[in-house]
Amino acid sequence: MNKNRIYIKNMVCPRCIDTVKEIFAEHKLNISSIALGEVITENEISKIQKETLNKKLNKRGFELLKDTKSQLIGKIKTLIIDSIHYSKEPIKINFSVYLSDQLHHEYGYLSRLFSSVEGITIEKYVLSQKIEKVKELIFYDELTLSEIAFRLDYSSVAYLSSQFKKETGMTPTQFKKQKNPSRRNHLDSI
């Protein structure tokens, strides 16, 4: 494993990347690469630097992931969030295959690990992320429900609507009528 690779919990959006860049710059730590949940520095960071960095990150809602299992769970979440919220095209394979391919572990292991630590299944986490994306797209009212269903790889509008109602207690139409952004959740709280 690359000693200059650092995994950070709760990096869930492009603004998070900017915030983490600022924190690293304040500590005069040069970044060679940054992505959701991961920073690669140009030089190795000392244990003392990591402790100081972690305190600063904690103040902004982030956390350094230290053990390999936490890092793996962070990677699972990052891959799911990135593919649902930031990818232009939905992935055309099952999340189980996608995660196994990306993380080089059997899905059964990833699933058991995720469930034991997070208290929910990967499938439930994926569903929660999709529902948040549906809420966002409905709120901004730029796509029809059919376009949202297609974009998030639902088999039909009816299936999307049924999952939405099951998760939120209301239909997409009811959600749209209330226009209340407080009904949306932050990605890092899901």
Protein backbone atom coordinates (compact mmCIF):
# COMPACT_ATOMS: atom_id res chain seq x y z
CA MET A 1 0.00 0.00 0.00
CA ASN A 2 1.20 3.47 -0.84
CA LYS A 3 2.43 5.19 2.35
CA ASN A 4 1.42 8.53 0.90
CA ARG A 5 -2.21 7.43 0.39
CA ILE A 6 -4.64 8.70 3.02
CA TYR A 7 -8.30 7.77 3.28
CA ILE A 8 -10.76 10.33 4.62
CA LYS A 9 -14.29 9.64 5.84
CA ASN A 10 -17.20 11.91 4.81
CA MET A 11 -15.63 13.29 1.62
CA VAL A 12 -18.81 13.03 -0.41
CA CYS A 13 -18.85 15.94 -2.85
CA PRO A 14 -16.62 18.22 -4.93
CA ARG A 15 -16.89 20.92 -2.24
CA CYS A 16 -15.48 18.40 0.26
CA ILE A 17 -12.48 17.93 -2.02
CA ASP A 18 -11.92 21.70 -2.04
CA THR A 19 -12.17 21.86 1.75
CA VAL A 20 -9.69 19.02 2.22
CA LYS A 21 -7.30 20.67 -0.27
CA GLU A 22 -7.44 23.85 1.83
CA ILE A 23 -6.72 21.94 5.04
CA PHE A 24 -3.73 20.19 3.48
CA ALA A 25 -2.46 23.49 2.08
CA GLU A 26 -2.74 25.11 5.55
CA HIS A 27 -0.48 22.36 6.86
CA LYS A 28 1.89 22.77 3.91
CA LEU A 29 1.24 19.20 2.76
CA ASN A 30 1.52 18.87 -1.01
CA ILE A 31 -1.12 16.76 -2.71
CA SER A 32 -0.26 14.83 -5.85
CA SER A 33 -3.80 13.46 -6.30
CA ILE A 34 -7.19 13.90 -4.62
CA ALA A 35 -10.55 12.18 -5.14
CA LEU A 36 -13.62 11.46 -3.05
CA GLY A 37 -12.41 9.76 0.11
CA GLU A 38 -8.75 9.65 -0.85
CA VAL A 39 -5.68 11.88 -0.89
CA ILE A 40 -2.24 10.99 -2.18
CA THR A 41 0.49 13.27 -0.91
CA GLU A 42 3.82 13.97 -2.54
CA ASN A 43 5.69 13.04 0.65
CA GLU A 44 5.02 10.66 3.50
CA ILE A 45 3.21 12.29 6.43
CA SER A 46 4.55 11.76 9.94
CA LYS A 47 2.42 10.41 12.77
CA ILE A 48 2.41 13.84 14.46
CA GLN A 49 1.36 15.54 11.21
CA LYS A 50 -1.46 12.99 10.84
CA GLU A 51 -2.72 13.70 14.37
CA THR A 52 -2.73 17.46 13.74
CA LEU A 53 -4.35 16.95 10.35
CA ASN A 54 -7.01 14.68 11.83
CA LYS A 55 -7.95 17.32 14.44
CA LYS A 56 -8.36 19.95 11.73
CA LEU A 57 -10.32 17.53 9.52
CA ASN A 58 -12.60 16.60 12.46
CA LYS A 59 -13.50 20.26 12.97
CA ARG A 60 -14.76 20.33 9.37
CA GLY A 61 -16.70 17.03 9.61
CA PHE A 62 -14.08 14.67 8.19
CA GLU A 63 -12.05 11.89 9.73
CA LEU A 64 -8.85 10.05 8.82
CA LEU A 65 -9.50 6.34 8.36
CA LYS A 66 -6.75 4.39 10.04
CA ASP A 67 -7.45 0.66 9.91
CA THR A 68 -7.82 -1.28 6.68
CA LYS A 69 -11.43 -2.32 7.34
CA SER A 70 -12.51 1.30 7.87
CA GLN A 71 -10.63 2.25 4.72
CA LEU A 72 -12.40 -0.48 2.77
CA ILE A 73 -15.82 0.66 4.01
CA GLY A 74 -14.88 4.22 3.10
CA LYS A 75 -13.97 3.05 -0.41
CA ILE A 76 -17.29 1.19 -0.75
CA LYS A 77 -19.23 4.33 0.22
CA THR A 78 -17.15 6.54 -2.06
CA LEU A 79 -17.66 4.27 -5.08
CA ILE A 80 -21.41 4.15 -4.47
CA ILE A 81 -21.77 7.90 -3.90
CA ASP A 82 -19.60 8.72 -6.90
CA SER A 83 -21.48 6.41 -9.25
CA ILE A 84 -24.95 7.57 -8.12
CA HIS A 85 -24.40 11.28 -7.56
CA TYR A 86 -21.56 12.31 -9.87
CA SER A 87 -21.37 9.85 -12.76
CA LYS A 88 -22.89 10.97 -16.07
CA GLU A 89 -24.04 7.44 -16.90
CA PRO A 90 -25.40 4.77 -14.56
CA ILE A 91 -23.16 1.76 -14.17
CA LYS A 92 -24.45 -1.02 -16.41
CA ILE A 93 -23.52 -3.88 -14.08
CA ASN A 94 -24.76 -4.84 -10.66
CA PHE A 95 -23.21 -2.95 -7.75
CA SER A 96 -22.00 -6.30 -6.38
CA VAL A 97 -19.91 -6.92 -9.52
CA TYR A 98 -18.81 -3.28 -9.72
CA LEU A 99 -17.62 -3.16 -6.09
CA SER A 100 -15.87 -6.54 -6.35
CA ASP A 101 -14.06 -5.46 -9.52
CA GLN A 102 -13.05 -2.06 -8.14
CA LEU A 103 -11.94 -3.27 -4.70
CA HIS A 104 -10.53 -6.70 -5.62
CA HIS A 105 -12.50 -8.55 -2.95
CA GLU A 106 -15.33 -11.04 -3.15
CA TYR A 107 -18.68 -9.34 -2.77
CA GLY A 108 -19.69 -11.68 0.07
CA TYR A 109 -16.76 -10.42 2.15
CA LEU A 110 -17.49 -6.77 1.32
CA SER A 111 -21.17 -7.24 2.14
CA ARG A 112 -20.53 -8.93 5.51
CA LEU A 113 -17.94 -6.33 6.49
CA PHE A 114 -20.16 -3.41 5.51
CA SER A 115 -23.22 -4.81 7.31
CA SER A 116 -21.30 -5.65 10.47
CA VAL A 117 -19.82 -2.14 10.77
CA GLU A 118 -22.57 0.06 9.30
CA GLY A 119 -25.60 -1.89 10.54
CA ILE A 120 -27.23 -1.91 7.08
CA THR A 121 -26.64 -3.85 3.90
CA ILE A 122 -24.84 -2.44 0.90
CA GLU A 123 -28.09 -2.80 -1.04
CA LYS A 124 -29.93 -0.64 1.51
CA TYR A 125 -27.12 1.94 1.38
CA VAL A 126 -27.33 2.03 -2.44
CA LEU A 127 -31.10 2.45 -2.22
CA SER A 128 -30.75 5.29 0.31
CA GLN A 129 -28.28 7.07 -1.96
CA LYS A 130 -30.53 6.63 -4.99
CA ILE A 131 -33.53 8.01 -3.08
CA GLU A 132 -31.49 11.08 -2.06
CA LYS A 133 -30.51 11.61 -5.69
CA VAL A 134 -34.17 11.28 -6.74
CA LYS A 135 -35.11 13.90 -4.10
CA GLU A 136 -32.44 16.25 -5.44
CA LEU A 137 -33.53 15.81 -9.05
CA ILE A 138 -37.21 16.26 -8.16
CA PHE A 139 -36.44 19.35 -6.08
CA TYR A 140 -34.55 21.06 -8.90
CA ASP A 141 -37.33 20.14 -11.34
CA GLU A 142 -35.10 19.83 -14.41
CA LEU A 143 -35.99 16.24 -15.37
CA THR A 144 -39.24 14.33 -15.67
CA LEU A 145 -39.80 11.29 -13.48
CA SER A 146 -39.21 9.10 -16.55
CA GLU A 147 -35.85 10.78 -17.15
CA ILE A 148 -34.93 10.38 -13.47
CA ALA A 149 -35.85 6.68 -13.59
CA PHE A 150 -33.70 6.21 -16.69
CA ARG A 151 -30.78 8.20 -15.27
CA LEU A 152 -30.72 6.14 -12.06
CA ASP A 153 -31.21 2.85 -13.93
CA TYR A 154 -34.66 2.00 -12.59
CA SER A 155 -36.60 -0.50 -14.70
CA SER A 156 -39.68 1.75 -14.69
CA VAL A 157 -41.22 4.89 -13.21
CA ALA A 158 -43.61 2.67 -11.26
CA TYR A 159 -40.71 0.84 -9.61
CA LEU A 160 -38.94 4.11 -8.76
CA SER A 161 -42.19 5.52 -7.32
CA SER A 162 -42.84 2.40 -5.23
CA GLN A 163 -39.31 2.44 -3.77
CA PHE A 164 -39.53 6.19 -3.15
CA LYS A 165 -42.83 5.82 -1.27
CA LYS A 166 -41.50 2.86 0.73
CA GLU A 167 -38.44 4.87 1.81
CA THR A 168 -39.95 8.32 2.34
CA GLY A 169 -43.62 7.64 3.08
CA MET A 170 -44.74 9.81 0.16
CA THR A 171 -44.93 9.60 -3.60
CA PRO A 172 -42.53 11.57 -5.78
CA THR A 173 -45.44 13.84 -6.73
CA GLN A 174 -46.24 14.56 -3.07
CA PHE A 175 -42.56 15.30 -2.43
CA LYS A 176 -42.43 17.64 -5.42
CA LYS A 177 -45.49 19.58 -4.24
CA GLN A 178 -44.03 20.35 -0.84
CA LYS A 179 -40.76 21.82 -2.25
CA ASN A 180 -39.10 21.45 1.13
CA PRO A 181 -35.32 20.93 0.92
CA SER A 182 -35.14 20.11 4.62
CA ARG A 183 -36.62 16.71 3.72
CA ARG A 184 -33.32 15.86 2.03
CA ASN A 185 -30.42 14.28 3.90
CA HIS A 186 -26.73 15.09 3.75
CA LEU A 187 -24.85 12.36 1.89
CA ASP A 188 -22.47 11.75 4.76
CA SER A 189 -25.38 11.15 7.17
CA ILE A 190 -26.88 8.30 5.13
